Amino acid sequence: MTLAPSLGVGICALNERAALPRLLTRLTSQRDAADCADLVVVADGGSTDGTPEIAAAGGAQVLEVGRGRGVQLGAAGAALLEAGLDVL
């Protein structure tokens, strides 16, 4: 029995209500085609358009962090590392 590889994706978001559902759907279809476990982390920088709720409804782990791409990247990377995934 071989184990399926794990796939982790970190997404930095700020007011991405319009784009996020399509992205999460595409990530899910890619995961299913590759038959691998996954973790999708959305690091939200203070959205006011419902982005965190949409991300959670799409199956993502949501981290509500401060504004700034560096803060978001750090939070998403830490969550992926904590889950035991490699971060590139």
N, C-alpha and C. Protein backbone atom coordinates (compact mmCIF):
# COMPACT_ATOMS: atom_id res chain seq x y z
N MET A 1 0.84 -1.18 0.00
CA MET A 1 0.00 0.00 0.00
C MET A 1 0.88 1.24 0.00
N THR A 2 0.71 2.10 -0.97
CA THR A 2 1.45 3.35 -1.00
C THR A 2 0.56 4.48 -0.51
N LEU A 3 1.18 5.42 0.17
CA LEU A 3 0.43 6.56 0.67
C LEU A 3 0.40 7.65 -0.38
N ALA A 4 -0.73 8.30 -0.50
CA ALA A 4 -0.83 9.42 -1.41
C ALA A 4 -0.04 10.59 -0.84
N PRO A 5 0.62 11.34 -1.69
CA PRO A 5 1.37 12.49 -1.19
C PRO A 5 0.43 13.56 -0.65
N SER A 6 0.93 14.33 0.28
CA SER A 6 0.15 15.44 0.80
C SER A 6 0.44 16.69 -0.01
N LEU A 7 -0.58 17.47 -0.21
CA LEU A 7 -0.46 18.71 -0.95
C LEU A 7 -0.95 19.83 -0.06
N GLY A 8 -0.14 20.84 0.12
CA GLY A 8 -0.53 22.00 0.91
C GLY A 8 -0.45 23.25 0.06
N VAL A 9 -1.46 24.09 0.16
CA VAL A 9 -1.51 25.33 -0.61
C VAL A 9 -1.80 26.47 0.35
N GLY A 10 -0.97 27.50 0.30
CA GLY A 10 -1.20 28.70 1.08
C GLY A 10 -1.66 29.81 0.16
N ILE A 11 -2.74 30.47 0.53
CA ILE A 11 -3.30 31.56 -0.28
C ILE A 11 -3.37 32.82 0.57
N CYS A 12 -2.76 33.87 0.08
CA CYS A 12 -2.88 35.18 0.72
C CYS A 12 -4.08 35.88 0.09
N ALA A 13 -4.96 36.41 0.92
CA ALA A 13 -6.19 36.98 0.38
C ALA A 13 -6.54 38.30 1.06
N LEU A 14 -7.10 39.18 0.28
CA LEU A 14 -7.69 40.42 0.77
C LEU A 14 -8.82 40.79 -0.19
N ASN A 15 -10.04 40.66 0.29
CA ASN A 15 -11.23 40.96 -0.51
C ASN A 15 -11.24 40.20 -1.84
N GLU A 16 -11.18 38.87 -1.73
CA GLU A 16 -11.15 38.00 -2.91
C GLU A 16 -12.46 37.22 -3.09
N ARG A 17 -13.56 37.79 -2.64
CA ARG A 17 -14.87 37.13 -2.72
C ARG A 17 -15.19 36.64 -4.12
N ALA A 18 -14.88 37.43 -5.13
CA ALA A 18 -15.24 37.06 -6.50
C ALA A 18 -14.38 35.92 -7.04
N ALA A 19 -13.11 35.89 -6.71
CA ALA A 19 -12.19 34.92 -7.30
C ALA A 19 -12.05 33.63 -6.50
N LEU A 20 -12.25 33.69 -5.21
CA LEU A 20 -11.93 32.54 -4.35
C LEU A 20 -12.76 31.29 -4.62
N PRO A 21 -14.07 31.36 -4.84
CA PRO A 21 -14.81 30.12 -5.08
C PRO A 21 -14.27 29.33 -6.27
N ARG A 22 -13.97 30.00 -7.35
CA ARG A 22 -13.45 29.30 -8.54
C ARG A 22 -12.09 28.66 -8.24
N LEU A 23 -11.23 29.39 -7.55
CA LEU A 23 -9.91 28.86 -7.20
C LEU A 23 -10.04 27.62 -6.32
N LEU A 24 -10.88 27.69 -5.29
CA LEU A 24 -11.04 26.54 -4.40
C LEU A 24 -11.62 25.34 -5.13
N THR A 25 -12.55 25.58 -6.04
CA THR A 25 -13.12 24.49 -6.85
C THR A 25 -12.04 23.85 -7.71
N ARG A 26 -11.20 24.66 -8.34
CA ARG A 26 -10.13 24.13 -9.19
C ARG A 26 -9.11 23.36 -8.37
N LEU A 27 -8.77 23.86 -7.19
CA LEU A 27 -7.83 23.14 -6.32
C LEU A 27 -8.40 21.79 -5.91
N THR A 28 -9.68 21.76 -5.61
CA THR A 28 -10.32 20.50 -5.21
C THR A 28 -10.30 19.50 -6.36
N SER A 29 -10.58 19.95 -7.57
CA SER A 29 -10.59 19.03 -8.71
C SER A 29 -9.19 18.52 -9.00
N GLN A 30 -8.18 19.35 -8.85
CA GLN A 30 -6.79 18.91 -9.04
C GLN A 30 -6.40 17.90 -7.98
N ARG A 31 -6.81 18.14 -6.75
CA ARG A 31 -6.53 17.21 -5.66
C ARG A 31 -7.17 15.86 -5.93
N ASP A 32 -8.42 15.87 -6.36
CA ASP A 32 -9.13 14.63 -6.63
C ASP A 32 -8.49 13.87 -7.79
N ALA A 33 -8.04 14.58 -8.81
CA ALA A 33 -7.39 13.94 -9.96
C ALA A 33 -6.06 13.32 -9.57
N ALA A 34 -5.36 13.94 -8.63
CA ALA A 34 -4.06 13.43 -8.20
C ALA A 34 -4.18 12.42 -7.08
N ASP A 35 -5.38 12.28 -6.52
CA ASP A 35 -5.64 11.35 -5.42
C ASP A 35 -4.69 11.59 -4.27
N CYS A 36 -4.65 12.80 -3.79
CA CYS A 36 -3.77 13.10 -2.66
C CYS A 36 -4.52 13.89 -1.60
N ALA A 37 -4.04 13.75 -0.40
CA ALA A 37 -4.59 14.53 0.70
C ALA A 37 -4.19 15.98 0.52
N ASP A 38 -4.94 16.88 1.11
CA ASP A 38 -4.59 18.27 0.93
C ASP A 38 -4.91 19.11 2.14
N LEU A 39 -4.29 20.27 2.16
CA LEU A 39 -4.59 21.29 3.14
C LEU A 39 -4.53 22.62 2.40
N VAL A 40 -5.61 23.34 2.43
CA VAL A 40 -5.64 24.67 1.84
C VAL A 40 -5.78 25.66 2.98
N VAL A 41 -4.82 26.56 3.06
CA VAL A 41 -4.82 27.59 4.10
C VAL A 41 -5.01 28.94 3.42
N VAL A 42 -6.01 29.68 3.86
CA VAL A 42 -6.23 31.04 3.37
C VAL A 42 -5.86 31.99 4.50
N ALA A 43 -4.82 32.78 4.28
CA ALA A 43 -4.41 33.79 5.24
C ALA A 43 -5.05 35.11 4.80
N ASP A 44 -6.06 35.53 5.54
CA ASP A 44 -6.82 36.72 5.16
C ASP A 44 -6.28 37.94 5.88
N GLY A 45 -6.07 39.00 5.12
CA GLY A 45 -5.50 40.22 5.66
C GLY A 45 -6.50 41.29 6.04
N GLY A 46 -7.70 40.90 6.47
CA GLY A 46 -8.68 41.88 6.91
C GLY A 46 -9.76 42.17 5.90
N SER A 47 -10.16 41.19 5.14
CA SER A 47 -11.20 41.38 4.12
C SER A 47 -12.50 41.89 4.73
N THR A 48 -13.20 42.70 3.94
CA THR A 48 -14.49 43.23 4.37
C THR A 48 -15.63 42.74 3.47
N ASP A 49 -15.32 41.78 2.59
CA ASP A 49 -16.32 41.31 1.62
C ASP A 49 -16.78 39.87 1.85
N GLY A 50 -16.46 39.29 2.99
CA GLY A 50 -16.88 37.92 3.27
C GLY A 50 -15.90 36.85 2.81
N THR A 51 -14.70 37.24 2.43
CA THR A 51 -13.70 36.27 1.97
C THR A 51 -13.46 35.14 2.98
N PRO A 52 -13.27 35.43 4.28
CA PRO A 52 -13.03 34.32 5.22
C PRO A 52 -14.17 33.30 5.26
N GLU A 53 -15.39 33.77 5.19
CA GLU A 53 -16.54 32.85 5.23
C GLU A 53 -16.60 32.00 3.97
N ILE A 54 -16.30 32.60 2.84
CA ILE A 54 -16.29 31.85 1.58
C ILE A 54 -15.18 30.80 1.60
N ALA A 55 -14.02 31.18 2.11
CA ALA A 55 -12.90 30.24 2.19
C ALA A 55 -13.24 29.06 3.09
N ALA A 56 -13.83 29.34 4.24
CA ALA A 56 -14.21 28.27 5.16
C ALA A 56 -15.27 27.36 4.54
N ALA A 57 -16.24 27.95 3.85
CA ALA A 57 -17.29 27.16 3.19
C ALA A 57 -16.70 26.28 2.09
N GLY A 58 -15.58 26.72 1.50
CA GLY A 58 -14.92 25.94 0.46
C GLY A 58 -13.94 24.91 0.99
N GLY A 59 -13.90 24.76 2.31
CA GLY A 59 -13.07 23.72 2.91
C GLY A 59 -11.67 24.17 3.32
N ALA A 60 -11.39 25.44 3.21
CA ALA A 60 -10.05 25.93 3.58
C ALA A 60 -9.97 26.20 5.08
N GLN A 61 -8.76 26.07 5.59
CA GLN A 61 -8.48 26.52 6.95
C GLN A 61 -8.22 28.02 6.84
N VAL A 62 -8.93 28.82 7.60
CA VAL A 62 -8.83 30.26 7.50
C VAL A 62 -8.04 30.83 8.67
N LEU A 63 -7.06 31.64 8.34
CA LEU A 63 -6.30 32.37 9.34
C LEU A 63 -6.56 33.85 9.11
N GLU A 64 -7.13 34.51 10.09
CA GLU A 64 -7.36 35.94 9.96
C GLU A 64 -6.18 36.64 10.60
N VAL A 65 -5.35 37.25 9.76
CA VAL A 65 -4.10 37.87 10.21
C VAL A 65 -4.10 39.35 9.83
N GLY A 66 -3.05 40.05 10.21
CA GLY A 66 -2.95 41.47 9.88
C GLY A 66 -2.69 41.69 8.40
N ARG A 67 -2.82 42.94 8.01
CA ARG A 67 -2.54 43.31 6.62
C ARG A 67 -1.06 43.18 6.33
N GLY A 68 -0.78 42.93 5.07
CA GLY A 68 0.60 42.83 4.61
C GLY A 68 0.92 41.43 4.13
N ARG A 69 1.48 41.36 2.94
CA ARG A 69 1.78 40.07 2.31
C ARG A 69 2.75 39.25 3.15
N GLY A 70 3.72 39.91 3.77
CA GLY A 70 4.68 39.18 4.59
C GLY A 70 4.04 38.50 5.78
N VAL A 71 3.11 39.19 6.43
CA VAL A 71 2.38 38.62 7.56
C VAL A 71 1.56 37.42 7.09
N GLN A 72 0.90 37.58 5.96
CA GLN A 72 0.06 36.50 5.43
C GLN A 72 0.91 35.29 5.03
N LEU A 73 2.02 35.53 4.33
CA LEU A 73 2.89 34.42 3.92
C LEU A 73 3.45 33.69 5.14
N GLY A 74 3.85 34.44 6.15
CA GLY A 74 4.38 33.82 7.36
C GLY A 74 3.36 32.95 8.06
N ALA A 75 2.13 33.44 8.16
CA ALA A 75 1.08 32.67 8.82
C ALA A 75 0.72 31.41 8.04
N ALA A 76 0.58 31.54 6.72
CA ALA A 76 0.24 30.37 5.89
C ALA A 76 1.37 29.35 5.92
N GLY A 77 2.61 29.82 5.80
CA GLY A 77 3.76 28.91 5.84
C GLY A 77 3.86 28.18 7.16
N ALA A 78 3.64 28.89 8.25
CA ALA A 78 3.69 28.26 9.57
C ALA A 78 2.62 27.19 9.72
N ALA A 79 1.42 27.46 9.21
CA ALA A 79 0.33 26.47 9.29
C ALA A 79 0.67 25.22 8.48
N LEU A 80 1.27 25.40 7.31
CA LEU A 80 1.64 24.25 6.48
C LEU A 80 2.76 23.45 7.13
N LEU A 81 3.75 24.15 7.71
CA LEU A 81 4.84 23.45 8.41
C LEU A 81 4.31 22.70 9.62
N GLU A 82 3.40 23.32 10.35
CA GLU A 82 2.83 22.68 11.53
C GLU A 82 2.09 21.40 11.17
N ALA A 83 1.52 21.38 9.96
CA ALA A 83 0.81 20.19 9.49
C ALA A 83 1.78 19.12 8.97
N GLY A 84 3.08 19.44 8.97
CA GLY A 84 4.07 18.46 8.53
C GLY A 84 4.33 18.48 7.05
N LEU A 85 3.94 19.55 6.37
CA LEU A 85 4.15 19.64 4.93
C LEU A 85 5.39 20.45 4.62
N ASP A 86 6.03 20.15 3.51
CA ASP A 86 7.16 20.95 3.06
C ASP A 86 6.65 22.26 2.51
N VAL A 87 7.44 23.30 2.68
CA VAL A 87 7.09 24.62 2.17
C VAL A 87 8.18 25.05 1.21
N LEU A 88 7.77 25.42 0.00
CA LEU A 88 8.74 25.89 -1.01
C LEU A 88 8.66 27.38 -1.12
